[in-house]
Amino acid sequence: MLIHIGFGNIVNTAKIIAIVSPDSAPVKRLVQNAKEKGLAIDATQGRKTKSVLVMENSQIVLSALLPDTIVGRMQENTDISEER
């Protein structure tokens, strides 16, 4: 299942391990380390990062949407899939 994470960017929900807020020091270190290793994908289009998606291949995706918004979209997609 694919989900829209803002500004025309889409990720595969089956590959997401966690969706976290970028405010804590450990998450900031995680983002910095991923950027240094070339494993960070910035999908914010220059906006403030409001959520960090940790993917199963050690990559992280930065999004300008709040974690609650992304989770809500994931739940909507799941509800639609179950109705079929």
PDB file of N, CA and C in Angstrom:
ATOM      1  N   MET A   1       0.847  -1.172   0.000  1.00  0.00           N
ATOM      2  CA  MET A   1       0.000   0.000   0.000  1.00  0.00           C
ATOM      3  C   MET A   1       0.899   1.244   0.000  1.00  0.00           C
ATOM      4  N   LEU A   2       0.560   2.190  -0.804  1.00  0.00           N
ATOM      5  CA  LEU A   2       1.303   3.451  -0.879  1.00  0.00           C
ATOM      6  C   LEU A   2       0.534   4.535  -0.143  1.00  0.00           C
ATOM      7  N   ILE A   3       1.264   5.484   0.423  1.00  0.00           N
ATOM      8  CA  ILE A   3       0.627   6.590   1.144  1.00  0.00           C
ATOM      9  C   ILE A   3       1.310   7.906   0.780  1.00  0.00           C
ATOM     10  N   HIS A   4       0.498   8.934   0.660  1.00  0.00           N
ATOM     11  CA  HIS A   4       0.964  10.280   0.330  1.00  0.00           C
ATOM     12  C   HIS A   4       1.498  10.942   1.603  1.00  0.00           C
ATOM     13  N   ILE A   5       2.743  11.406   1.577  1.00  0.00           N
ATOM     14  CA  ILE A   5       3.342  12.035   2.768  1.00  0.00           C
ATOM     15  C   ILE A   5       3.571  13.529   2.572  1.00  0.00           C
ATOM     16  N   GLY A   6       2.927  14.098   1.573  1.00  0.00           N
ATOM     17  CA  GLY A   6       3.012  15.531   1.368  1.00  0.00           C
ATOM     18  C   GLY A   6       3.793  15.925   0.135  1.00  0.00           C
ATOM     19  N   PHE A   7       3.315  16.968  -0.551  1.00  0.00           N
ATOM     20  CA  PHE A   7       3.983  17.581  -1.694  1.00  0.00           C
ATOM     21  C   PHE A   7       4.244  16.587  -2.829  1.00  0.00           C
ATOM     22  N   GLY A   8       3.305  15.678  -3.041  1.00  0.00           N
ATOM     23  CA  GLY A   8       3.423  14.726  -4.134  1.00  0.00           C
ATOM     24  C   GLY A   8       4.370  13.566  -3.865  1.00  0.00           C
ATOM     25  N   ASN A   9       4.812  13.415  -2.646  1.00  0.00           N
ATOM     26  CA  ASN A   9       5.726  12.335  -2.275  1.00  0.00           C
ATOM     27  C   ASN A   9       4.939  11.164  -1.684  1.00  0.00           C
ATOM     28  N   ILE A  10       5.319   9.960  -2.098  1.00  0.00           N
ATOM     29  CA  ILE A  10       4.595   8.762  -1.700  1.00  0.00           C
ATOM     30  C   ILE A  10       5.588   7.718  -1.208  1.00  0.00           C
ATOM     31  N   VAL A  11       5.217   6.988  -0.138  1.00  0.00           N
ATOM     32  CA  VAL A  11       6.067   5.903   0.362  1.00  0.00           C
ATOM     33  C   VAL A  11       5.249   4.622   0.486  1.00  0.00           C
ATOM     34  N   ASN A  12       5.956   3.506   0.503  1.00  0.00           N
ATOM     35  CA  ASN A  12       5.358   2.192   0.661  1.00  0.00           C
ATOM     36  C   ASN A  12       5.153   1.932   2.152  1.00  0.00           C
ATOM     37  N   THR A  13       3.911   1.783   2.585  1.00  0.00           N
ATOM     38  CA  THR A  13       3.626   1.602   4.010  1.00  0.00           C
ATOM     39  C   THR A  13       4.169   0.277   4.548  1.00  0.00           C
ATOM     40  N   ALA A  14       4.336  -0.704   3.681  1.00  0.00           N
ATOM     41  CA  ALA A  14       4.852  -1.997   4.128  1.00  0.00           C
ATOM     42  C   ALA A  14       6.318  -1.912   4.552  1.00  0.00           C
ATOM     43  N   LYS A  15       7.017  -0.862   4.155  1.00  0.00           N
ATOM     44  CA  LYS A  15       8.440  -0.701   4.467  1.00  0.00           C
ATOM     45  C   LYS A  15       8.688   0.198   5.677  1.00  0.00           C
ATOM     46  N   ILE A  16       7.628   0.783   6.250  1.00  0.00           N
ATOM     47  CA  ILE A  16       7.775   1.708   7.379  1.00  0.00           C
ATOM     48  C   ILE A  16       7.881   0.916   8.680  1.00  0.00           C
ATOM     49  N   ILE A  17       8.931   1.207   9.461  1.00  0.00           N
ATOM     50  CA  ILE A  17       9.095   0.592  10.780  1.00  0.00           C
ATOM     51  C   ILE A  17       8.498   1.489  11.854  1.00  0.00           C
ATOM     52  N   ALA A  18       8.750   2.806  11.744  1.00  0.00           N
ATOM     53  CA  ALA A  18       8.277   3.744  12.762  1.00  0.00           C
ATOM     54  C   ALA A  18       8.075   5.120  12.146  1.00  0.00           C
ATOM     55  N   ILE A  19       7.162   5.873  12.754  1.00  0.00           N
ATOM     56  CA  ILE A  19       6.956   7.281  12.402  1.00  0.00           C
ATOM     57  C   ILE A  19       7.117   8.056  13.697  1.00  0.00           C
ATOM     58  N   VAL A  20       8.146   8.901  13.758  1.00  0.00           N
ATOM     59  CA  VAL A  20       8.477   9.588  15.005  1.00  0.00           C
ATOM     60  C   VAL A  20       8.582  11.097  14.801  1.00  0.00           C
ATOM     61  N   SER A  21       8.460  11.810  15.893  1.00  0.00           N
ATOM     62  CA  SER A  21       8.646  13.254  15.895  1.00  0.00           C
ATOM     63  C   SER A  21      10.140  13.555  15.871  1.00  0.00           C
ATOM     64  N   PRO A  22      10.554  14.601  15.163  1.00  0.00           N
ATOM     65  CA  PRO A  22      11.991  14.898  15.036  1.00  0.00           C
ATOM     66  C   PRO A  22      12.574  15.723  16.183  1.00  0.00           C
ATOM     67  N   ASP A  23      11.832  15.925  17.253  1.00  0.00           N
ATOM     68  CA  ASP A  23      12.237  16.871  18.291  1.00  0.00           C
ATOM     69  C   ASP A  23      13.244  16.339  19.307  1.00  0.00           C
ATOM     70  N   SER A  24      13.279  15.038  19.541  1.00  0.00           N
ATOM     71  CA  SER A  24      14.170  14.507  20.578  1.00  0.00           C
ATOM     72  C   SER A  24      15.611  14.422  20.070  1.00  0.00           C
ATOM     73  N   ALA A  25      16.540  14.460  21.001  1.00  0.00           N
ATOM     74  CA  ALA A  25      17.963  14.394  20.654  1.00  0.00           C
ATOM     75  C   ALA A  25      18.332  13.090  19.943  1.00  0.00           C
ATOM     76  N   PRO A  26      17.828  11.931  20.381  1.00  0.00           N
ATOM     77  CA  PRO A  26      18.181  10.697  19.656  1.00  0.00           C
ATOM     78  C   PRO A  26      17.707  10.693  18.203  1.00  0.00           C
ATOM     79  N   VAL A  27      16.532  11.234  17.953  1.00  0.00           N
ATOM     80  CA  VAL A  27      16.026  11.281  16.577  1.00  0.00           C
ATOM     81  C   VAL A  27      16.834  12.281  15.758  1.00  0.00           C
ATOM     82  N   LYS A  28      17.226  13.391  16.355  1.00  0.00           N
ATOM     83  CA  LYS A  28      18.072  14.356  15.649  1.00  0.00           C
ATOM     84  C   LYS A  28      19.400  13.719  15.258  1.00  0.00           C
ATOM     85  N   ARG A  29      19.977  12.896  16.158  1.00  0.00           N
ATOM     86  CA  ARG A  29      21.225  12.185  15.838  1.00  0.00           C
ATOM     87  C   ARG A  29      20.992  11.173  14.724  1.00  0.00           C
ATOM     88  N   LEU A  30      19.864  10.477  14.783  1.00  0.00           N
ATOM     89  CA  LEU A  30      19.521   9.508  13.748  1.00  0.00           C
ATOM     90  C   LEU A  30      19.449  10.181  12.380  1.00  0.00           C
ATOM     91  N   VAL A  31      18.790  11.339  12.323  1.00  0.00           N
ATOM     92  CA  VAL A  31      18.665  12.089  11.071  1.00  0.00           C
ATOM     93  C   VAL A  31      20.032  12.552  10.587  1.00  0.00           C
ATOM     94  N   GLN A  32      20.834  13.091  11.478  1.00  0.00           N
ATOM     95  CA  GLN A  32      22.160  13.579  11.103  1.00  0.00           C
ATOM     96  C   GLN A  32      23.038  12.451  10.573  1.00  0.00           C
ATOM     97  N   ASN A  33      23.018  11.315  11.270  1.00  0.00           N
ATOM     98  CA  ASN A  33      23.815  10.162  10.818  1.00  0.00           C
ATOM     99  C   ASN A  33      23.346   9.666   9.455  1.00  0.00           C
ATOM    100  N   ALA A  34      22.033   9.634   9.247  1.00  0.00           N
ATOM    101  CA  ALA A  34      21.495   9.189   7.958  1.00  0.00           C
ATOM    102  C   ALA A  34      21.889  10.155   6.845  1.00  0.00           C
ATOM    103  N   LYS A  35      21.886  11.447   7.129  1.00  0.00           N
ATOM    104  CA  LYS A  35      22.297  12.432   6.121  1.00  0.00           C
ATOM    105  C   LYS A  35      23.768  12.240   5.757  1.00  0.00           C
ATOM    106  N   GLU A  36      24.607  11.999   6.762  1.00  0.00           N
ATOM    107  CA  GLU A  36      26.030  11.804   6.511  1.00  0.00           C
ATOM    108  C   GLU A  36      26.296  10.555   5.665  1.00  0.00           C
ATOM    109  N   LYS A  37      25.483   9.524   5.858  1.00  0.00           N
ATOM    110  CA  LYS A  37      25.656   8.267   5.123  1.00  0.00           C
ATOM    111  C   LYS A  37      24.891   8.238   3.802  1.00  0.00           C
ATOM    112  N   GLY A  38      24.142   9.297   3.529  1.00  0.00           N
ATOM    113  CA  GLY A  38      23.368   9.341   2.293  1.00  0.00           C
ATOM    114  C   GLY A  38      22.109   8.490   2.343  1.00  0.00           C
ATOM    115  N   LEU A  39      21.596   8.229   3.540  1.00  0.00           N
ATOM    116  CA  LEU A  39      20.417   7.390   3.709  1.00  0.00           C
ATOM    117  C   LEU A  39      19.159   8.187   4.045  1.00  0.00           C
ATOM    118  N   ALA A  40      19.254   9.511   4.003  1.00  0.00           N
ATOM    119  CA  ALA A  40      18.104  10.356   4.316  1.00  0.00           C
ATOM    120  C   ALA A  40      17.450  10.844   3.030  1.00  0.00           C
ATOM    121  N   ILE A  41      16.130  10.748   2.997  1.00  0.00           N
ATOM    122  CA  ILE A  41      15.361  11.263   1.868  1.00  0.00           C
ATOM    123  C   ILE A  41      14.523  12.419   2.404  1.00  0.00           C
ATOM    124  N   ASP A  42      14.793  13.609   1.900  1.00  0.00           N
ATOM    125  CA  ASP A  42      14.096  14.803   2.367  1.00  0.00           C
ATOM    126  C   ASP A  42      12.887  15.065   1.478  1.00  0.00           C
ATOM    127  N   ALA A  43      11.691  14.810   2.023  1.00  0.00           N
ATOM    128  CA  ALA A  43      10.447  15.011   1.278  1.00  0.00           C
ATOM    129  C   ALA A  43       9.688  16.225   1.807  1.00  0.00           C
ATOM    130  N   THR A  44      10.409  17.169   2.424  1.00  0.00           N
ATOM    131  CA  THR A  44       9.758  18.326   3.037  1.00  0.00           C
ATOM    132  C   THR A  44       9.565  19.499   2.085  1.00  0.00           C
ATOM    133  N   GLN A  45      10.251  19.467   0.946  1.00  0.00           N
ATOM    134  CA  GLN A  45      10.187  20.583  -0.007  1.00  0.00           C
ATOM    135  C   GLN A  45      10.563  21.905   0.657  1.00  0.00           C
ATOM    136  N   GLY A  46      11.546  21.867   1.542  1.00  0.00           N
ATOM    137  CA  GLY A  46      12.045  23.077   2.195  1.00  0.00           C
ATOM    138  C   GLY A  46      11.266  23.511   3.424  1.00  0.00           C
ATOM    139  N   ARG A  47      10.216  22.788   3.770  1.00  0.00           N
ATOM    140  CA  ARG A  47       9.423  23.115   4.962  1.00  0.00           C
ATOM    141  C   ARG A  47      10.088  22.504   6.201  1.00  0.00           C
ATOM    142  N   LYS A  48       9.564  22.841   7.359  1.00  0.00           N
ATOM    143  CA  LYS A  48      10.074  22.295   8.610  1.00  0.00           C
ATOM    144  C   LYS A  48       9.726  20.801   8.692  1.00  0.00           C
ATOM    145  N   THR A  49      10.676  19.998   9.129  1.00  0.00           N
ATOM    146  CA  THR A  49      10.441  18.567   9.310  1.00  0.00           C
ATOM    147  C   THR A  49       9.574  18.357  10.536  1.00  0.00           C
ATOM    148  N   LYS A  50       8.429  17.710  10.348  1.00  0.00           N
ATOM    149  CA  LYS A  50       7.520  17.444  11.459  1.00  0.00           C
ATOM    150  C   LYS A  50       7.420  15.961  11.785  1.00  0.00           C
ATOM    151  N   SER A  51       7.902  15.103  10.886  1.00  0.00           N
ATOM    152  CA  SER A  51       7.930  13.675  11.192  1.00  0.00           C
ATOM    153  C   SER A  51       9.077  13.009  10.452  1.00  0.00           C
ATOM    154  N   VAL A  52       9.554  11.923  11.050  1.00  0.00           N
ATOM    155  CA  VAL A  52      10.637  11.127  10.484  1.00  0.00           C
ATOM    156  C   VAL A  52      10.105   9.704  10.336  1.00  0.00           C
ATOM    157  N   LEU A  53      10.146   9.199   9.110  1.00  0.00           N
ATOM    158  CA  LEU A  53       9.721   7.829   8.847  1.00  0.00           C
ATOM    159  C   LEU A  53      10.964   6.964   8.779  1.00  0.00           C
ATOM    160  N   VAL A  54      11.044   5.983   9.648  1.00  0.00           N
ATOM    161  CA  VAL A  54      12.166   5.055   9.662  1.00  0.00           C
ATOM    162  C   VAL A  54      11.752   3.860   8.815  1.00  0.00           C
ATOM    163  N   MET A  55      12.535   3.593   7.776  1.00  0.00           N
ATOM    164  CA  MET A  55      12.210   2.529   6.837  1.00  0.00           C
ATOM    165  C   MET A  55      13.024   1.274   7.158  1.00  0.00           C
ATOM    166  N   GLU A  56      12.560   0.125   6.676  1.00  0.00           N
ATOM    167  CA  GLU A  56      13.209  -1.135   7.029  1.00  0.00           C
ATOM    168  C   GLU A  56      14.582  -1.328   6.380  1.00  0.00           C
ATOM    169  N   ASN A  57      14.928  -0.536   5.389  1.00  0.00           N
ATOM    170  CA  ASN A  57      16.240  -0.656   4.741  1.00  0.00           C
ATOM    171  C   ASN A  57      17.249   0.346   5.309  1.00  0.00           C
ATOM    172  N   SER A  58      17.012   0.819   6.529  1.00  0.00           N
ATOM    173  CA  SER A  58      17.876   1.767   7.249  1.00  0.00           C
ATOM    174  C   SER A  58      17.805   3.187   6.693  1.00  0.00           C
ATOM    175  N   GLN A  59      16.973   3.428   5.715  1.00  0.00           N
ATOM    176  CA  GLN A  59      16.783   4.790   5.233  1.00  0.00           C
ATOM    177  C   GLN A  59      15.758   5.482   6.121  1.00  0.00           C
ATOM    178  N   ILE A  60      15.818   6.818   6.123  1.00  0.00           N
ATOM    179  CA  ILE A  60      14.785   7.592   6.794  1.00  0.00           C
ATOM    180  C   ILE A  60      14.212   8.579   5.788  1.00  0.00           C
ATOM    181  N   VAL A  61      12.943   8.895   5.973  1.00  0.00           N
ATOM    182  CA  VAL A  61      12.265   9.853   5.114  1.00  0.00           C
ATOM    183  C   VAL A  61      11.772  10.982   6.000  1.00  0.00           C
ATOM    184  N   LEU A  62      12.127  12.207   5.638  1.00  0.00           N
ATOM    185  CA  LEU A  62      11.696  13.391   6.379  1.00  0.00           C
ATOM    186  C   LEU A  62      10.439  13.944   5.724  1.00  0.00           C
ATOM    187  N   SER A  63       9.425  14.226   6.531  1.00  0.00           N
ATOM    188  CA  SER A  63       8.163  14.734   6.006  1.00  0.00           C
ATOM    189  C   SER A  63       7.748  15.998   6.746  1.00  0.00           C
ATOM    190  N   ALA A  64       7.035  16.873   6.043  1.00  0.00           N
ATOM    191  CA  ALA A  64       6.527  18.102   6.644  1.00  0.00           C
ATOM    192  C   ALA A  64       5.147  17.885   7.271  1.00  0.00           C
ATOM    193  N   LEU A  65       4.624  16.671   7.180  1.00  0.00           N
ATOM    194  CA  LEU A  65       3.341  16.360   7.807  1.00  0.00           C
ATOM    195  C   LEU A  65       3.561  15.837   9.218  1.00  0.00           C
ATOM    196  N   LEU A  66       2.599  16.081  10.094  1.00  0.00           N
ATOM    197  CA  LEU A  66       2.679  15.569  11.455  1.00  0.00           C
ATOM    198  C   LEU A  66       2.529  14.049  11.453  1.00  0.00           C
ATOM    199  N   PRO A  67       3.147  13.368  12.413  1.00  0.00           N
ATOM    200  CA  PRO A  67       2.990  11.914  12.490  1.00  0.00           C
ATOM    201  C   PRO A  67       1.526  11.479  12.545  1.00  0.00           C
ATOM    202  N   ASP A  68       0.700  12.214  13.298  1.00  0.00           N
ATOM    203  CA  ASP A  68      -0.725  11.863  13.401  1.00  0.00           C
ATOM    204  C   ASP A  68      -1.423  11.928  12.053  1.00  0.00           C
ATOM    205  N   THR A  69      -1.045  12.876  11.222  1.00  0.00           N
ATOM    206  CA  THR A  69      -1.637  13.008   9.888  1.00  0.00           C
ATOM    207  C   THR A  69      -1.280  11.804   9.030  1.00  0.00           C
ATOM    208  N   ILE A  70      -0.033  11.400   9.079  1.00  0.00           N
ATOM    209  CA  ILE A  70       0.415  10.254   8.277  1.00  0.00           C
ATOM    210  C   ILE A  70      -0.273   8.977   8.754  1.00  0.00           C
ATOM    211  N   VAL A  71      -0.335   8.785  10.061  1.00  0.00           N
ATOM    212  CA  VAL A  71      -1.008   7.601  10.609  1.00  0.00           C
ATOM    213  C   VAL A  71      -2.480   7.606  10.231  1.00  0.00           C
ATOM    214  N   GLY A  72      -3.120   8.763  10.287  1.00  0.00           N
ATOM    215  CA  GLY A  72      -4.515   8.862   9.890  1.00  0.00           C
ATOM    216  C   GLY A  72      -4.724   8.457   8.444  1.00  0.00           C
ATOM    217  N   ARG A  73      -3.833   8.875   7.580  1.00  0.00           N
ATOM    218  CA  ARG A  73      -3.927   8.495   6.169  1.00  0.00           C
ATOM    219  C   ARG A  73      -3.712   6.997   5.991  1.00  0.00           C
ATOM    220  N   MET A  74      -2.815   6.434   6.781  1.00  0.00           N
ATOM    221  CA  MET A  74      -2.592   4.990   6.707  1.00  0.00           C
ATOM    222  C   MET A  74      -3.846   4.235   7.146  1.00  0.00           C
ATOM    223  N   GLN A  75      -4.485   4.712   8.201  1.00  0.00           N
ATOM    224  CA  GLN A  75      -5.700   4.058   8.689  1.00  0.00           C
ATOM    225  C   GLN A  75      -6.843   4.203   7.691  1.00  0.00           C
ATOM    226  N   GLU A  76      -6.947   5.364   7.039  1.00  0.00           N
ATOM    227  CA  GLU A  76      -7.976   5.547   6.012  1.00  0.00           C
ATOM    228  C   GLU A  76      -7.780   4.552   4.881  1.00  0.00           C
ATOM    229  N   ASN A  77      -6.533   4.379   4.445  1.00  0.00           N
ATOM    230  CA  ASN A  77      -6.245   3.433   3.364  1.00  0.00           C
ATOM    231  C   ASN A  77      -6.560   2.006   3.787  1.00  0.00           C
ATOM    232  N   THR A  78      -6.285   1.676   5.052  1.00  0.00           N
ATOM    233  CA  THR A  78      -6.581   0.341   5.543  1.00  0.00           C
ATOM    234  C   THR A  78      -8.090   0.106   5.574  1.00  0.00           C
ATOM    235  N   ASP A  79      -8.855   1.105   6.027  1.00  0.00           N
ATOM    236  CA  ASP A  79     -10.311   1.003   6.063  1.00  0.00           C
ATOM    237  C   ASP A  79     -10.893   0.810   4.672  1.00  0.00           C
ATOM    238  N   ILE A  80     -10.361   1.533   3.698  1.00  0.00           N
ATOM    239  CA  ILE A  80     -10.837   1.419   2.325  1.00  0.00           C
ATOM    240  C   ILE A  80     -10.523   0.032   1.763  1.00  0.00           C
ATOM    241  N   SER A  81      -9.332  -0.478   2.068  1.00  0.00           N
ATOM    242  CA  SER A  81      -8.929  -1.797   1.595  1.00  0.00           C
ATOM    243  C   SER A  81      -9.817  -2.896   2.178  1.00  0.00           C
ATOM    244  N   GLU A  82     -10.203  -2.746   3.451  1.00  0.00           N
ATOM    245  CA  GLU A  82     -11.027  -3.757   4.103  1.00  0.00           C
ATOM    246  C   GLU A  82     -12.448  -3.772   3.545  1.00  0.00           C
ATOM    247  N   GLU A  83     -12.927  -2.628   3.050  1.00  0.00           N
ATOM    248  CA  GLU A  83     -14.270  -2.552   2.500  1.00  0.00           C
ATOM    249  C   GLU A  83     -14.389  -3.281   1.172  1.00  0.00           C
ATOM    250  N   ARG A  84     -13.283  -3.451   0.484  1.00  0.00           N
ATOM    251  CA  ARG A  84     -13.309  -4.101  -0.836  1.00  0.00           C
ATOM    252  C   ARG A  84     -13.515  -5.546  -0.739  1.00  0.00           C
TER     253      ARG A  84
END
